[in-house]
């Protein structure tokens, strides 16, 4: 098993600049992107604020954990999150 802790940098700026409605939408999109990077047997949870935890079940190999981390870094957050309306 592996446990990952993720904190979204500068999230407070989003809430302060655009309001909590947009901040909440950003958190939901971030959670969806994180969920799309892991297996169905893994768990993604929001701890509070802008902090997420991912539990990777049944992983005994460090290279598998590193591959998932790379997927998260490359696929989740370099892309812009666009809001409509």
C-alpha atoms as a PDB file:
ATOM      1  CA  UNK A   1       0.000   0.000   0.000  1.00  0.00           C
ATOM      2  CA  UNK A   2       1.093   3.569  -0.653  1.00  0.00           C
ATOM      3  CA  UNK A   3      -0.410   6.837   0.583  1.00  0.00           C
ATOM      4  CA  UNK A   4       0.016  10.070  -1.366  1.00  0.00           C
ATOM      5  CA  UNK A   5      -0.687  13.538   0.014  1.00  0.00           C
ATOM      6  CA  UNK A   6      -1.469  16.297  -2.475  1.00  0.00           C
ATOM      7  CA  UNK A   7      -1.867  20.004  -1.757  1.00  0.00           C
ATOM      8  CA  UNK A   8      -3.063  22.434  -4.439  1.00  0.00           C
ATOM      9  CA  UNK A   9      -0.725  25.428  -4.493  1.00  0.00           C
ATOM     10  CA  UNK A  10      -2.269  28.905  -4.418  1.00  0.00           C
ATOM     11  CA  UNK A  11      -5.821  27.580  -4.078  1.00  0.00           C
ATOM     12  CA  UNK A  12      -6.677  30.390  -1.654  1.00  0.00           C
ATOM     13  CA  UNK A  13      -6.024  32.866  -4.469  1.00  0.00           C
ATOM     14  CA  UNK A  14      -8.818  31.212  -6.474  1.00  0.00           C
ATOM     15  CA  UNK A  15     -11.311  31.603  -3.626  1.00  0.00           C
ATOM     16  CA  UNK A  16     -10.212  35.168  -2.917  1.00  0.00           C
ATOM     17  CA  UNK A  17     -10.301  36.228  -6.580  1.00  0.00           C
ATOM     18  CA  UNK A  18     -13.270  34.305  -7.953  1.00  0.00           C
ATOM     19  CA  UNK A  19     -15.333  33.265  -4.929  1.00  0.00           C
ATOM     20  CA  UNK A  20     -16.153  30.016  -3.193  1.00  0.00           C
ATOM     21  CA  UNK A  21     -18.482  28.772  -5.955  1.00  0.00           C
ATOM     22  CA  UNK A  22     -15.595  28.695  -8.424  1.00  0.00           C
ATOM     23  CA  UNK A  23     -13.262  27.326  -5.741  1.00  0.00           C
ATOM     24  CA  UNK A  24     -15.667  24.454  -5.061  1.00  0.00           C
ATOM     25  CA  UNK A  25     -15.953  23.733  -8.785  1.00  0.00           C
ATOM     26  CA  UNK A  26     -12.151  23.700  -9.044  1.00  0.00           C
ATOM     27  CA  UNK A  27     -11.916  21.188  -6.192  1.00  0.00           C
ATOM     28  CA  UNK A  28     -14.466  18.915  -7.876  1.00  0.00           C
ATOM     29  CA  UNK A  29     -12.581  19.046 -11.176  1.00  0.00           C
ATOM     30  CA  UNK A  30      -9.289  18.360  -9.393  1.00  0.00           C
ATOM     31  CA  UNK A  31     -10.817  15.359  -7.606  1.00  0.00           C
ATOM     32  CA  UNK A  32     -12.124  14.012 -10.917  1.00  0.00           C
ATOM     33  CA  UNK A  33      -8.722  14.393 -12.564  1.00  0.00           C
ATOM     34  CA  UNK A  34      -7.023  12.629  -9.667  1.00  0.00           C
ATOM     35  CA  UNK A  35      -9.576   9.812  -9.766  1.00  0.00           C
ATOM     36  CA  UNK A  36      -8.952   9.362 -13.480  1.00  0.00           C
ATOM     37  CA  UNK A  37      -5.236   8.774 -12.797  1.00  0.00           C
ATOM     38  CA  UNK A  38      -5.622   5.869 -10.394  1.00  0.00           C
ATOM     39  CA  UNK A  39      -7.103   2.395 -10.525  1.00  0.00           C
ATOM     40  CA  UNK A  40     -10.644   1.521  -9.486  1.00  0.00           C
ATOM     41  CA  UNK A  41      -9.240  -0.259  -6.427  1.00  0.00           C
ATOM     42  CA  UNK A  42      -7.555   2.935  -5.173  1.00  0.00           C
ATOM     43  CA  UNK A  43      -9.172   5.705  -3.140  1.00  0.00           C
ATOM     44  CA  UNK A  44      -9.079   9.469  -3.619  1.00  0.00           C
ATOM     45  CA  UNK A  45     -10.312  11.625  -0.742  1.00  0.00           C
ATOM     46  CA  UNK A  46     -10.359  15.306   0.039  1.00  0.00           C
ATOM     47  CA  UNK A  47      -9.057  15.916   3.542  1.00  0.00           C
ATOM     48  CA  UNK A  48     -10.181  19.510   3.673  1.00  0.00           C
ATOM     49  CA  UNK A  49      -9.374  22.814   2.084  1.00  0.00           C
ATOM     50  CA  UNK A  50      -7.117  22.070  -0.850  1.00  0.00           C
ATOM     51  CA  UNK A  51      -5.632  18.798   0.447  1.00  0.00           C
ATOM     52  CA  UNK A  52      -6.213  15.391  -1.078  1.00  0.00           C
ATOM     53  CA  UNK A  53      -5.072  11.914  -0.103  1.00  0.00           C
ATOM     54  CA  UNK A  54      -4.755   8.971  -2.456  1.00  0.00           C
ATOM     55  CA  UNK A  55      -4.520   5.428  -1.132  1.00  0.00           C
ATOM     56  CA  UNK A  56      -2.960   3.011  -3.615  1.00  0.00           C
ATOM     57  CA  UNK A  57      -4.083  -0.443  -2.533  1.00  0.00           C
ATOM     58  CA  UNK A  58      -2.105  -3.591  -3.200  1.00  0.00           C
ATOM     59  CA  UNK A  59       1.046  -1.919  -4.492  1.00  0.00           C
ATOM     60  CA  UNK A  60       4.303  -3.466  -3.327  1.00  0.00           C
ATOM     61  CA  UNK A  61       6.554  -2.066  -6.022  1.00  0.00           C
ATOM     62  CA  UNK A  62       8.012   1.423  -5.758  1.00  0.00           C
ATOM     63  CA  UNK A  63       8.247   1.779  -9.539  1.00  0.00           C
ATOM     64  CA  UNK A  64       4.453   1.308  -9.810  1.00  0.00           C
ATOM     65  CA  UNK A  65       3.909   4.080  -7.261  1.00  0.00           C
ATOM     66  CA  UNK A  66       6.322   6.330  -9.142  1.00  0.00           C
ATOM     67  CA  UNK A  67       4.492   5.637 -12.420  1.00  0.00           C
ATOM     68  CA  UNK A  68       1.174   6.670 -10.879  1.00  0.00           C
ATOM     69  CA  UNK A  69       2.746   9.826  -9.440  1.00  0.00           C
ATOM     70  CA  UNK A  70       4.138  10.689 -12.870  1.00  0.00           C
ATOM     71  CA  UNK A  71       0.702  10.146 -14.395  1.00  0.00           C
ATOM     72  CA  UNK A  72      -0.819  12.521 -11.845  1.00  0.00           C
ATOM     73  CA  UNK A  73       1.840  15.166 -12.471  1.00  0.00           C
ATOM     74  CA  UNK A  74       1.710  14.912 -16.247  1.00  0.00           C
ATOM     75  CA  UNK A  75      -1.994  14.354 -16.817  1.00  0.00           C
ATOM     76  CA  UNK A  76      -3.827  16.178 -14.050  1.00  0.00           C
ATOM     77  CA  UNK A  77      -2.556  19.619 -13.335  1.00  0.00           C
ATOM     78  CA  UNK A  78      -0.423  21.030 -16.141  1.00  0.00           C
ATOM     79  CA  UNK A  79      -3.643  21.366 -18.137  1.00  0.00           C
ATOM     80  CA  UNK A  80      -5.822  24.377 -17.550  1.00  0.00           C
ATOM     81  CA  UNK A  81      -9.141  23.963 -15.842  1.00  0.00           C
ATOM     82  CA  UNK A  82     -11.736  25.937 -17.757  1.00  0.00           C
ATOM     83  CA  UNK A  83     -15.036  27.090 -16.278  1.00  0.00           C
ATOM     84  CA  UNK A  84     -18.083  27.951 -18.340  1.00  0.00           C
ATOM     85  CA  UNK A  85     -20.699  30.459 -17.316  1.00  0.00           C
END
